PDB file of all heavy atoms in Angstrom:
ATOM      1  N   TYR A   1      17.403 -13.647  -7.951  1.00  0.00           N
ATOM      2  CA  TYR A   1      17.897 -12.633  -7.013  1.00  0.00           C
ATOM      3  C   TYR A   1      17.850 -13.184  -5.600  1.00  0.00           C
ATOM      4  O   TYR A   1      17.122 -14.147  -5.303  1.00  0.00           O
ATOM      5  CB  TYR A   1      17.055 -11.351  -7.096  1.00  0.00           C
ATOM      6  CG  TYR A   1      17.036 -10.695  -8.453  1.00  0.00           C
ATOM      7  CD1 TYR A   1      16.033 -10.987  -9.373  1.00  0.00           C
ATOM      8  CD2 TYR A   1      18.021  -9.783  -8.824  1.00  0.00           C
ATOM      9  CE1 TYR A   1      16.017 -10.384 -10.627  1.00  0.00           C
ATOM     10  CE2 TYR A   1      18.010  -9.174 -10.060  1.00  0.00           C
ATOM     11  CZ  TYR A   1      16.997  -9.485 -10.958  1.00  0.00           C
ATOM     12  OH  TYR A   1      16.988  -8.881 -12.193  1.00  0.00           O
ATOM     13  N   THR A   2      18.594 -12.540  -4.726  1.00  0.00           N
ATOM     14  CA  THR A   2      18.495 -12.844  -3.302  1.00  0.00           C
ATOM     15  C   THR A   2      17.269 -12.125  -2.723  1.00  0.00           C
ATOM     16  O   THR A   2      16.655 -11.259  -3.373  1.00  0.00           O
ATOM     17  CB  THR A   2      19.762 -12.399  -2.569  1.00  0.00           C
ATOM     18  OG1 THR A   2      19.886 -10.961  -2.674  1.00  0.00           O
ATOM     19  CG2 THR A   2      20.992 -13.064  -3.163  1.00  0.00           C
ATOM     20  N   GLU A   3      16.934 -12.464  -1.497  1.00  0.00           N
ATOM     21  CA  GLU A   3      15.769 -11.834  -0.873  1.00  0.00           C
ATOM     22  C   GLU A   3      15.992 -10.339  -0.684  1.00  0.00           C
ATOM     23  O   GLU A   3      15.064  -9.531  -0.887  1.00  0.00           O
ATOM     24  CB  GLU A   3      15.481 -12.511   0.466  1.00  0.00           C
ATOM     25  CG  GLU A   3      14.234 -11.975   1.157  1.00  0.00           C
ATOM     26  CD  GLU A   3      13.899 -12.739   2.424  1.00  0.00           C
ATOM     27  OE1 GLU A   3      14.555 -13.772   2.687  1.00  0.00           O
ATOM     28  OE2 GLU A   3      12.983 -12.297   3.151  1.00  0.00           O
ATOM     29  N   GLU A   4      17.204  -9.945  -0.287  1.00  0.00           N
ATOM     30  CA  GLU A   4      17.479  -8.519  -0.090  1.00  0.00           C
ATOM     31  C   GLU A   4      17.394  -7.755  -1.410  1.00  0.00           C
ATOM     32  O   GLU A   4      16.841  -6.641  -1.464  1.00  0.00           O
ATOM     33  CB  GLU A   4      18.867  -8.334   0.536  1.00  0.00           C
ATOM     34  CG  GLU A   4      18.985  -8.800   1.976  1.00  0.00           C
ATOM     35  CD  GLU A   4      18.990 -10.321   2.104  1.00  0.00           C
ATOM     36  OE1 GLU A   4      19.233 -10.989   1.062  1.00  0.00           O
ATOM     37  OE2 GLU A   4      18.752 -10.823   3.211  1.00  0.00           O
ATOM     38  N   GLU A   5      17.923  -8.329  -2.471  1.00  0.00           N
ATOM     39  CA  GLU A   5      17.850  -7.670  -3.779  1.00  0.00           C
ATOM     40  C   GLU A   5      16.401  -7.530  -4.235  1.00  0.00           C
ATOM     41  O   GLU A   5      16.010  -6.483  -4.772  1.00  0.00           O
ATOM     42  CB  GLU A   5      18.647  -8.469  -4.805  1.00  0.00           C
ATOM     43  CG  GLU A   5      20.156  -8.409  -4.638  1.00  0.00           C
ATOM     44  CD  GLU A   5      20.890  -9.292  -5.619  1.00  0.00           C
ATOM     45  OE1 GLU A   5      20.331 -10.339  -6.003  1.00  0.00           O
ATOM     46  OE2 GLU A   5      22.019  -8.939  -6.025  1.00  0.00           O
ATOM     47  N   THR A   6      15.615  -8.560  -4.002  1.00  0.00           N
ATOM     48  CA  THR A   6      14.217  -8.507  -4.439  1.00  0.00           C
ATOM     49  C   THR A   6      13.423  -7.497  -3.619  1.00  0.00           C
ATOM     50  O   THR A   6      12.568  -6.778  -4.158  1.00  0.00           O
ATOM     51  CB  THR A   6      13.582  -9.898  -4.327  1.00  0.00           C
ATOM     52  OG1 THR A   6      14.428 -10.867  -4.949  1.00  0.00           O
ATOM     53  CG2 THR A   6      12.229  -9.921  -5.009  1.00  0.00           C
ATOM     54  N   LYS A   7      13.680  -7.412  -2.319  1.00  0.00           N
ATOM     55  CA  LYS A   7      12.988  -6.419  -1.492  1.00  0.00           C
ATOM     56  C   LYS A   7      13.322  -5.006  -1.946  1.00  0.00           C
ATOM     57  O   LYS A   7      12.436  -4.138  -2.019  1.00  0.00           O
ATOM     58  CB  LYS A   7      13.372  -6.600  -0.029  1.00  0.00           C
ATOM     59  CG  LYS A   7      12.723  -7.794   0.646  1.00  0.00           C
ATOM     60  CD  LYS A   7      13.117  -7.858   2.112  1.00  0.00           C
ATOM     61  CE  LYS A   7      12.432  -9.017   2.818  1.00  0.00           C
ATOM     62  NZ  LYS A   7      12.808  -9.117   4.255  1.00  0.00           N
ATOM     63  N   ALA A   8      14.585  -4.761  -2.240  1.00  0.00           N
ATOM     64  CA  ALA A   8      14.981  -3.427  -2.715  1.00  0.00           C
ATOM     65  C   ALA A   8      14.337  -3.122  -4.061  1.00  0.00           C
ATOM     66  O   ALA A   8      13.927  -1.975  -4.320  1.00  0.00           O
ATOM     67  CB  ALA A   8      16.503  -3.355  -2.818  1.00  0.00           C
ATOM     68  N   MET A   9      14.232  -4.129  -4.902  1.00  0.00           N
ATOM     69  CA  MET A   9      13.597  -3.928  -6.205  1.00  0.00           C
ATOM     70  C   MET A   9      12.109  -3.620  -6.059  1.00  0.00           C
ATOM     71  O   MET A   9      11.563  -2.733  -6.732  1.00  0.00           O
ATOM     72  CB  MET A   9      13.795  -5.185  -7.065  1.00  0.00           C
ATOM     73  CG  MET A   9      13.375  -5.057  -8.508  1.00  0.00           C
ATOM     74  SD  MET A   9      13.478  -6.657  -9.341  1.00  0.00           S
ATOM     75  CE  MET A   9      15.147  -7.180  -8.890  1.00  0.00           C
ATOM     76  N   ALA A  10      11.434  -4.351  -5.173  1.00  0.00           N
ATOM     77  CA  ALA A  10      10.001  -4.123  -4.967  1.00  0.00           C
ATOM     78  C   ALA A  10       9.738  -2.764  -4.331  1.00  0.00           C
ATOM     79  O   ALA A  10       8.710  -2.119  -4.609  1.00  0.00           O
ATOM     80  CB  ALA A  10       9.418  -5.235  -4.100  1.00  0.00           C
ATOM     81  N   ALA A  11      10.648  -2.284  -3.489  1.00  0.00           N
ATOM     82  CA  ALA A  11      10.445  -1.004  -2.811  1.00  0.00           C
ATOM     83  C   ALA A  11      10.544   0.175  -3.761  1.00  0.00           C
ATOM     84  O   ALA A  11      10.146   1.298  -3.402  1.00  0.00           O
ATOM     85  CB  ALA A  11      11.458  -0.853  -1.677  1.00  0.00           C
ATOM     86  N   GLU A  12      11.040  -0.044  -4.958  1.00  0.00           N
ATOM     87  CA  GLU A  12      11.166   1.052  -5.919  1.00  0.00           C
ATOM     88  C   GLU A  12       9.830   1.435  -6.551  1.00  0.00           C
ATOM     89  O   GLU A  12       9.730   2.496  -7.164  1.00  0.00           O
ATOM     90  CB  GLU A  12      12.158   0.663  -7.013  1.00  0.00           C
ATOM     91  CG  GLU A  12      13.586   0.479  -6.519  1.00  0.00           C
ATOM     92  CD  GLU A  12      14.521   0.023  -7.613  1.00  0.00           C
ATOM     93  OE1 GLU A  12      14.022  -0.229  -8.740  1.00  0.00           O
ATOM     94  OE2 GLU A  12      15.741  -0.112  -7.351  1.00  0.00           O
ATOM     95  N   ILE A  13       8.812   0.593  -6.442  1.00  0.00           N
ATOM     96  CA  ILE A  13       7.524   0.899  -7.052  1.00  0.00           C
ATOM     97  C   ILE A  13       6.560   1.423  -5.993  1.00  0.00           C
ATOM     98  O   ILE A  13       6.746   1.203  -4.787  1.00  0.00           O
ATOM     99  CB  ILE A  13       6.917  -0.340  -7.746  1.00  0.00           C
ATOM    100  CG1 ILE A  13       6.580  -1.412  -6.711  1.00  0.00           C
ATOM    101  CG2 ILE A  13       7.862  -0.874  -8.807  1.00  0.00           C
ATOM    102  CD1 ILE A  13       5.813  -2.593  -7.287  1.00  0.00           C
ATOM    103  N   GLU A  14       5.545   2.141  -6.432  1.00  0.00           N
ATOM    104  CA  GLU A  14       4.494   2.650  -5.562  1.00  0.00           C
ATOM    105  C   GLU A  14       3.225   1.856  -5.834  1.00  0.00           C
ATOM    106  O   GLU A  14       2.793   1.717  -6.976  1.00  0.00           O
ATOM    107  CB  GLU A  14       4.250   4.135  -5.807  1.00  0.00           C
ATOM    108  CG  GLU A  14       5.403   5.040  -5.405  1.00  0.00           C
ATOM    109  CD  GLU A  14       5.582   5.117  -3.892  1.00  0.00           C
ATOM    110  OE1 GLU A  14       4.572   4.924  -3.175  1.00  0.00           O
ATOM    111  OE2 GLU A  14       6.720   5.362  -3.439  1.00  0.00           O
ATOM    112  N   VAL A  15       2.624   1.338  -4.768  1.00  0.00           N
ATOM    113  CA  VAL A  15       1.437   0.491  -4.872  1.00  0.00           C
ATOM    114  C   VAL A  15       0.273   1.187  -4.189  1.00  0.00           C
ATOM    115  O   VAL A  15       0.420   1.694  -3.069  1.00  0.00           O
ATOM    116  CB  VAL A  15       1.687  -0.889  -4.246  1.00  0.00           C
ATOM    117  CG1 VAL A  15       0.437  -1.765  -4.344  1.00  0.00           C
ATOM    118  CG2 VAL A  15       2.867  -1.579  -4.912  1.00  0.00           C
ATOM    119  N   THR A  16      -0.860   1.226  -4.871  1.00  0.00           N
ATOM    120  CA  THR A  16      -2.069   1.789  -4.268  1.00  0.00           C
ATOM    121  C   THR A  16      -2.703   0.740  -3.375  1.00  0.00           C
ATOM    122  O   THR A  16      -3.003  -0.379  -3.810  1.00  0.00           O
ATOM    123  CB  THR A  16      -3.060   2.222  -5.351  1.00  0.00           C
ATOM    124  OG1 THR A  16      -2.435   3.187  -6.206  1.00  0.00           O
ATOM    125  CG2 THR A  16      -4.304   2.823  -4.738  1.00  0.00           C
ATOM    126  N   ASP A  17      -2.910   1.094  -2.106  1.00  0.00           N
ATOM    127  CA  ASP A  17      -3.447   0.152  -1.119  1.00  0.00           C
ATOM    128  C   ASP A  17      -4.543   0.847  -0.328  1.00  0.00           C
ATOM    129  O   ASP A  17      -4.776   2.043  -0.474  1.00  0.00           O
ATOM    130  CB  ASP A  17      -2.310  -0.323  -0.196  1.00  0.00           C
ATOM    131  CG  ASP A  17      -2.630  -1.661   0.448  1.00  0.00           C
ATOM    132  OD1 ASP A  17      -3.799  -2.103   0.348  1.00  0.00           O
ATOM    133  OD2 ASP A  17      -1.717  -2.266   1.049  1.00  0.00           O
ATOM    134  N   GLY A  18      -5.175   0.061   0.521  1.00  0.00           N
ATOM    135  CA  GLY A  18      -6.209   0.645   1.358  1.00  0.00           C
ATOM    136  C   GLY A  18      -7.510  -0.118   1.290  1.00  0.00           C
ATOM    137  O   GLY A  18      -7.560  -1.214   0.710  1.00  0.00           O
ATOM    138  N   PRO A  19      -8.547   0.452   1.875  1.00  0.00           N
ATOM    139  CA  PRO A  19      -8.586   1.788   2.510  1.00  0.00           C
ATOM    140  C   PRO A  19      -7.958   1.780   3.907  1.00  0.00           C
ATOM    141  O   PRO A  19      -7.851   0.750   4.542  1.00  0.00           O
ATOM    142  CB  PRO A  19     -10.079   2.089   2.570  1.00  0.00           C
ATOM    143  CG  PRO A  19     -10.722   0.734   2.660  1.00  0.00           C
ATOM    144  CD  PRO A  19      -9.863  -0.197   1.862  1.00  0.00           C
ATOM    145  N   ASN A  20      -7.596   2.986   4.376  1.00  0.00           N
ATOM    146  CA  ASN A  20      -7.045   3.130   5.717  1.00  0.00           C
ATOM    147  C   ASN A  20      -8.175   3.319   6.722  1.00  0.00           C
ATOM    148  O   ASN A  20      -9.346   3.106   6.407  1.00  0.00           O
ATOM    149  CB  ASN A  20      -6.054   4.300   5.765  1.00  0.00           C
ATOM    150  CG  ASN A  20      -6.684   5.599   5.269  1.00  0.00           C
ATOM    151  OD1 ASN A  20      -7.912   5.710   5.166  1.00  0.00           O
ATOM    152  ND2 ASN A  20      -5.843   6.582   4.975  1.00  0.00           N
ATOM    153  N   ASP A  21      -7.821   3.722   7.933  1.00  0.00           N
ATOM    154  CA  ASP A  21      -8.838   3.879   8.975  1.00  0.00           C
ATOM    155  C   ASP A  21      -9.838   4.963   8.630  1.00  0.00           C
ATOM    156  O   ASP A  21     -10.966   4.976   9.160  1.00  0.00           O
ATOM    157  CB  ASP A  21      -8.158   4.207  10.316  1.00  0.00           C
ATOM    158  CG  ASP A  21      -7.292   3.054  10.803  1.00  0.00           C
ATOM    159  OD1 ASP A  21      -7.540   1.911  10.350  1.00  0.00           O
ATOM    160  OD2 ASP A  21      -6.359   3.298  11.608  1.00  0.00           O
ATOM    161  N   GLU A  22      -9.441   5.888   7.765  1.00  0.00           N
ATOM    162  CA  GLU A  22     -10.350   6.968   7.374  1.00  0.00           C
ATOM    163  C   GLU A  22     -11.122   6.632   6.106  1.00  0.00           C
ATOM    164  O   GLU A  22     -11.861   7.469   5.593  1.00  0.00           O
ATOM    165  CB  GLU A  22      -9.555   8.262   7.170  1.00  0.00           C
ATOM    166  CG  GLU A  22      -8.847   8.719   8.452  1.00  0.00           C
ATOM    167  CD  GLU A  22      -8.005   9.948   8.207  1.00  0.00           C
ATOM    168  OE1 GLU A  22      -7.936  10.385   7.022  1.00  0.00           O
ATOM    169  OE2 GLU A  22      -7.410  10.478   9.165  1.00  0.00           O
ATOM    170  N   GLY A  23     -10.927   5.419   5.589  1.00  0.00           N
ATOM    171  CA  GLY A  23     -11.662   5.008   4.400  1.00  0.00           C
ATOM    172  C   GLY A  23     -11.079   5.494   3.095  1.00  0.00           C
ATOM    173  O   GLY A  23     -11.764   5.462   2.066  1.00  0.00           O
ATOM    174  N   GLU A  24      -9.844   5.956   3.108  1.00  0.00           N
ATOM    175  CA  GLU A  24      -9.225   6.481   1.906  1.00  0.00           C
ATOM    176  C   GLU A  24      -8.095   5.560   1.446  1.00  0.00           C
ATOM    177  O   GLU A  24      -7.435   4.893   2.251  1.00  0.00           O
ATOM    178  CB  GLU A  24      -8.667   7.887   2.168  1.00  0.00           C
ATOM    179  CG  GLU A  24      -9.735   8.908   2.522  1.00  0.00           C
ATOM    180  CD  GLU A  24      -9.137  10.276   2.775  1.00  0.00           C
ATOM    181  OE1 GLU A  24      -7.877  10.356   2.799  1.00  0.00           O
ATOM    182  OE2 GLU A  24      -9.897  11.238   2.960  1.00  0.00           O
ATOM    183  N   MET A  25      -7.895   5.550   0.122  1.00  0.00           N
ATOM    184  CA  MET A  25      -6.806   4.774  -0.456  1.00  0.00           C
ATOM    185  C   MET A  25      -5.495   5.535  -0.284  1.00  0.00           C
ATOM    186  O   MET A  25      -5.468   6.767  -0.208  1.00  0.00           O
ATOM    187  CB  MET A  25      -7.066   4.506  -1.937  1.00  0.00           C
ATOM    188  CG  MET A  25      -8.406   3.817  -2.213  1.00  0.00           C
ATOM    189  SD  MET A  25      -8.552   2.196  -1.463  1.00  0.00           S
ATOM    190  CE  MET A  25      -7.385   1.275  -2.469  1.00  0.00           C
ATOM    191  N   PHE A  26      -4.420   4.802  -0.245  1.00  0.00           N
ATOM    192  CA  PHE A  26      -3.114   5.426  -0.049  1.00  0.00           C
ATOM    193  C   PHE A  26      -2.079   4.637  -0.851  1.00  0.00           C
ATOM    194  O   PHE A  26      -2.338   3.518  -1.310  1.00  0.00           O
ATOM    195  CB  PHE A  26      -2.736   5.453   1.436  1.00  0.00           C
ATOM    196  CG  PHE A  26      -2.632   4.084   2.054  1.00  0.00           C
ATOM    197  CD1 PHE A  26      -1.408   3.414   2.106  1.00  0.00           C
ATOM    198  CD2 PHE A  26      -3.755   3.449   2.570  1.00  0.00           C
ATOM    199  CE1 PHE A  26      -1.302   2.160   2.667  1.00  0.00           C
ATOM    200  CE2 PHE A  26      -3.648   2.179   3.134  1.00  0.00           C
ATOM    201  CZ  PHE A  26      -2.432   1.532   3.179  1.00  0.00           C
ATOM    202  N   THR A  27      -0.934   5.223  -1.017  1.00  0.00           N
ATOM    203  CA  THR A  27       0.168   4.568  -1.727  1.00  0.00           C
ATOM    204  C   THR A  27       1.254   4.188  -0.732  1.00  0.00           C
ATOM    205  O   THR A  27       1.471   4.884   0.270  1.00  0.00           O
ATOM    206  CB  THR A  27       0.759   5.486  -2.806  1.00  0.00           C
ATOM    207  OG1 THR A  27       1.237   6.691  -2.198  1.00  0.00           O
ATOM    208  CG2 THR A  27      -0.288   5.810  -3.867  1.00  0.00           C
ATOM    209  N   ARG A  28       1.927   3.117  -1.041  1.00  0.00           N
ATOM    210  CA  ARG A  28       2.994   2.608  -0.179  1.00  0.00           C
ATOM    211  C   ARG A  28       4.079   1.993  -1.058  1.00  0.00           C
ATOM    212  O   ARG A  28       3.839   1.661  -2.235  1.00  0.00           O
ATOM    213  CB  ARG A  28       2.446   1.549   0.776  1.00  0.00           C
ATOM    214  CG  ARG A  28       1.805   0.373   0.071  1.00  0.00           C
ATOM    215  CD  ARG A  28       1.556  -0.791   1.002  1.00  0.00           C
ATOM    216  NE  ARG A  28       0.882  -1.880   0.325  1.00  0.00           N
ATOM    217  CZ  ARG A  28       1.472  -2.778  -0.462  1.00  0.00           C
ATOM    218  NH1 ARG A  28       2.795  -2.691  -0.667  1.00  0.00           N
ATOM    219  NH2 ARG A  28       0.791  -3.755  -1.031  1.00  0.00           N
ATOM    220  N   PRO A  29       5.275   1.805  -0.515  1.00  0.00           N
ATOM    221  CA  PRO A  29       6.312   1.095  -1.286  1.00  0.00           C
ATOM    222  C   PRO A  29       5.927  -0.368  -1.497  1.00  0.00           C
ATOM    223  O   PRO A  29       5.200  -0.965  -0.701  1.00  0.00           O
ATOM    224  CB  PRO A  29       7.561   1.238  -0.408  1.00  0.00           C
ATOM    225  CG  PRO A  29       7.268   2.379   0.512  1.00  0.00           C
ATOM    226  CD  PRO A  29       5.788   2.370   0.732  1.00  0.00           C
ATOM    227  N   GLY A  30       6.406  -0.919  -2.565  1.00  0.00           N
ATOM    228  CA  GLY A  30       6.071  -2.295  -2.879  1.00  0.00           C
ATOM    229  C   GLY A  30       6.692  -3.294  -1.912  1.00  0.00           C
ATOM    230  O   GLY A  30       7.703  -3.017  -1.261  1.00  0.00           O
ATOM    231  N   LYS A  31       6.060  -4.470  -1.818  1.00  0.00           N
ATOM    232  CA  LYS A  31       6.536  -5.564  -0.963  1.00  0.00           C
ATOM    233  C   LYS A  31       6.741  -6.809  -1.816  1.00  0.00           C
ATOM    234  O   LYS A  31       6.393  -6.854  -3.000  1.00  0.00           O
ATOM    235  CB  LYS A  31       5.524  -5.830   0.150  1.00  0.00           C
ATOM    236  CG  LYS A  31       5.251  -4.651   1.056  1.00  0.00           C
ATOM    237  CD  LYS A  31       4.306  -5.031   2.177  1.00  0.00           C
ATOM    238  CE  LYS A  31       2.937  -5.460   1.655  1.00  0.00           C
ATOM    239  NZ  LYS A  31       1.996  -5.739   2.761  1.00  0.00           N
ATOM    240  N   LEU A  32       7.305  -7.832  -1.212  1.00  0.00           N
ATOM    241  CA  LEU A  32       7.562  -9.064  -1.944  1.00  0.00           C
ATOM    242  C   LEU A  32       6.277  -9.710  -2.449  1.00  0.00           C
ATOM    243  O   LEU A  32       6.272 -10.379  -3.484  1.00  0.00           O
ATOM    244  CB  LEU A  32       8.320 -10.056  -1.049  1.00  0.00           C
ATOM    245  CG  LEU A  32       9.769  -9.724  -0.728  1.00  0.00           C
ATOM    246  CD1 LEU A  32      10.354 -10.789   0.193  1.00  0.00           C
ATOM    247  CD2 LEU A  32      10.597  -9.630  -2.005  1.00  0.00           C
ATOM    248  N   SER A  33       5.195  -9.517  -1.761  1.00  0.00           N
ATOM    249  CA  SER A  33       3.932 -10.150  -2.148  1.00  0.00           C
ATOM    250  C   SER A  33       3.224  -9.430  -3.288  1.00  0.00           C
ATOM    251  O   SER A  33       2.238  -9.944  -3.819  1.00  0.00           O
ATOM    252  CB  SER A  33       2.993 -10.226  -0.941  1.00  0.00           C
ATOM    253  OG  SER A  33       2.755  -8.928  -0.417  1.00  0.00           O
ATOM    254  N   ASP A  34       3.704  -8.269  -3.678  1.00  0.00           N
ATOM    255  CA  ASP A  34       3.046  -7.513  -4.742  1.00  0.00           C
ATOM    256  C   ASP A  34       3.388  -8.096  -6.112  1.00  0.00           C
ATOM    257  O   ASP A  34       4.475  -8.638  -6.333  1.00  0.00           O
ATOM    258  CB  ASP A  34       3.467  -6.043  -4.693  1.00  0.00           C
ATOM    259  CG  ASP A  34       2.939  -5.343  -3.460  1.00  0.00           C
ATOM    260  OD1 ASP A  34       1.816  -5.657  -3.039  1.00  0.00           O
ATOM    261  OD2 ASP A  34       3.676  -4.489  -2.906  1.00  0.00           O
ATOM    262  N   ARG A  35       2.435  -7.971  -7.028  1.00  0.00           N
ATOM    263  CA  ARG A  35       2.664  -8.397  -8.407  1.00  0.00           C
ATOM    264  C   ARG A  35       3.452  -7.327  -9.163  1.00  0.00           C
ATOM    265  O   ARG A  35       3.592  -6.196  -8.719  1.00  0.00           O
ATOM    266  CB  ARG A  35       1.315  -8.633  -9.107  1.00  0.00           C
ATOM    267  CG  ARG A  35       0.410  -9.654  -8.419  1.00  0.00           C
ATOM    268  CD  ARG A  35       0.886 -11.052  -8.661  1.00  0.00           C
ATOM    269  NE  ARG A  35       0.078 -12.058  -7.992  1.00  0.00           N
ATOM    270  CZ  ARG A  35      -0.997 -12.632  -8.527  1.00  0.00           C
ATOM    271  NH1 ARG A  35      -1.394 -12.288  -9.745  1.00  0.00           N
ATOM    272  NH2 ARG A  35      -1.664 -13.549  -7.859  1.00  0.00           N
ATOM    273  N   PHE A  36       3.961  -7.718 -10.311  1.00  0.00           N
ATOM    274  CA  PHE A  36       4.652  -6.743 -11.161  1.00  0.00           C
ATOM    275  C   PHE A  36       3.673  -5.626 -11.536  1.00  0.00           C
ATOM    276  O   PHE A  36       2.491  -5.872 -11.767  1.00  0.00           O
ATOM    277  CB  PHE A  36       5.163  -7.408 -12.428  1.00  0.00           C
ATOM    278  CG  PHE A  36       6.384  -8.260 -12.217  1.00  0.00           C
ATOM    279  CD1 PHE A  36       6.928  -8.441 -10.959  1.00  0.00           C
ATOM    280  CD2 PHE A  36       6.997  -8.881 -13.288  1.00  0.00           C
ATOM    281  CE1 PHE A  36       8.056  -9.229 -10.753  1.00  0.00           C
ATOM    282  CE2 PHE A  36       8.126  -9.678 -13.104  1.00  0.00           C
ATOM    283  CZ  PHE A  36       8.648  -9.844 -11.835  1.00  0.00           C
ATOM    284  N   PRO A  37       4.136  -4.376 -11.604  1.00  0.00           N
ATOM    285  CA  PRO A  37       3.218  -3.264 -11.899  1.00  0.00           C
ATOM    286  C   PRO A  37       2.653  -3.336 -13.315  1.00  0.00           C
ATOM    287  O   PRO A  37       3.299  -3.841 -14.243  1.00  0.00           O
ATOM    288  CB  PRO A  37       4.106  -2.024 -11.708  1.00  0.00           C
ATOM    289  CG  PRO A  37       5.500  -2.521 -11.925  1.00  0.00           C
ATOM    290  CD  PRO A  37       5.531  -3.930 -11.413  1.00  0.00           C
ATOM    291  N   GLN A  38       1.452  -2.811 -13.455  1.00  0.00           N
ATOM    292  CA  GLN A  38       0.779  -2.768 -14.753  1.00  0.00           C
ATOM    293  C   GLN A  38       1.186  -1.500 -15.503  1.00  0.00           C
ATOM    294  O   GLN A  38       1.197  -0.408 -14.922  1.00  0.00           O
ATOM    295  CB  GLN A  38      -0.747  -2.778 -14.572  1.00  0.00           C
ATOM    296  CG  GLN A  38      -1.280  -3.963 -13.796  1.00  0.00           C
ATOM    297  CD  GLN A  38      -1.286  -5.229 -14.631  1.00  0.00           C
ATOM    298  OE1 GLN A  38      -1.393  -5.183 -15.844  1.00  0.00           O
ATOM    299  NE2 GLN A  38      -1.149  -6.368 -13.968  1.00  0.00           N
ATOM    300  N   PRO A  39       1.519  -1.596 -16.796  1.00  0.00           N
ATOM    301  CA  PRO A  39       1.913  -0.378 -17.529  1.00  0.00           C
ATOM    302  C   PRO A  39       0.737   0.548 -17.831  1.00  0.00           C
ATOM    303  O   PRO A  39       0.941   1.753 -18.019  1.00  0.00           O
ATOM    304  CB  PRO A  39       2.528  -0.935 -18.818  1.00  0.00           C
ATOM    305  CG  PRO A  39       1.892  -2.270 -18.996  1.00  0.00           C
ATOM    306  CD  PRO A  39       1.647  -2.807 -17.619  1.00  0.00           C
ATOM    307  N   TYR A  40      -0.482  -0.003 -17.866  1.00  0.00           N
ATOM    308  CA  TYR A  40      -1.672   0.807 -18.181  1.00  0.00           C
ATOM    309  C   TYR A  40      -2.759   0.510 -17.167  1.00  0.00           C
ATOM    310  O   TYR A  40      -2.813  -0.585 -16.577  1.00  0.00           O
ATOM    311  CB  TYR A  40      -2.185   0.507 -19.595  1.00  0.00           C
ATOM    312  CG  TYR A  40      -1.153   0.731 -20.674  1.00  0.00           C
ATOM    313  CD1 TYR A  40      -0.500  -0.354 -21.270  1.00  0.00           C
ATOM    314  CD2 TYR A  40      -0.812   2.014 -21.093  1.00  0.00           C
ATOM    315  CE1 TYR A  40       0.446  -0.160 -22.258  1.00  0.00           C
ATOM    316  CE2 TYR A  40       0.143   2.213 -22.068  1.00  0.00           C
ATOM    317  CZ  TYR A  40       0.772   1.128 -22.650  1.00  0.00           C
ATOM    318  OH  TYR A  40       1.721   1.328 -23.618  1.00  0.00           O
ATOM    319  N   ALA A  41      -3.629   1.487 -16.992  1.00  0.00           N
ATOM    320  CA  ALA A  41      -4.702   1.335 -16.004  1.00  0.00           C
ATOM    321  C   ALA A  41      -5.743   0.332 -16.460  1.00  0.00           C
ATOM    322  O   ALA A  41      -6.320  -0.394 -15.650  1.00  0.00           O
ATOM    323  CB  ALA A  41      -5.360   2.694 -15.734  1.00  0.00           C
ATOM    324  N   ASN A  42      -6.020   0.257 -17.766  1.00  0.00           N
ATOM    325  CA  ASN A  42      -7.026  -0.661 -18.289  1.00  0.00           C
ATOM    326  C   ASN A  42      -6.723  -0.923 -19.765  1.00  0.00           C
ATOM    327  O   ASN A  42      -5.785  -0.345 -20.346  1.00  0.00           O
ATOM    328  CB  ASN A  42      -8.440  -0.094 -18.104  1.00  0.00           C
ATOM    329  CG  ASN A  42      -8.539   1.351 -18.561  1.00  0.00           C
ATOM    330  OD1 ASN A  42      -8.237   1.680 -19.704  1.00  0.00           O
ATOM    331  ND2 ASN A  42      -8.929   2.242 -17.638  1.00  0.00           N
ATOM    332  N   GLU A  43      -7.547  -1.774 -20.369  1.00  0.00           N
ATOM    333  CA  GLU A  43      -7.324  -2.147 -21.770  1.00  0.00           C
ATOM    334  C   GLU A  43      -7.533  -0.969 -22.710  1.00  0.00           C
ATOM    335  O   GLU A  43      -6.810  -0.829 -23.707  1.00  0.00           O
ATOM    336  CB  GLU A  43      -8.268  -3.291 -22.154  1.00  0.00           C
ATOM    337  CG  GLU A  43      -8.102  -3.756 -23.592  1.00  0.00           C
ATOM    338  CD  GLU A  43      -9.031  -4.909 -23.946  1.00  0.00           C
ATOM    339  OE1 GLU A  43      -9.597  -5.531 -23.011  1.00  0.00           O
ATOM    340  OE2 GLU A  43      -9.185  -5.199 -25.159  1.00  0.00           O
TER     341      GLU A  43
END
């Protein structure tokens, strides 16, 4: 893919990130540096 196509593809997922300034986790759109999403939380 091109860089623009890959950025649009990554932005379709929601990634849990943080903590923020208040110490809480938050969700954000995906970025190029993010890994492919996991289908399950754990084994």
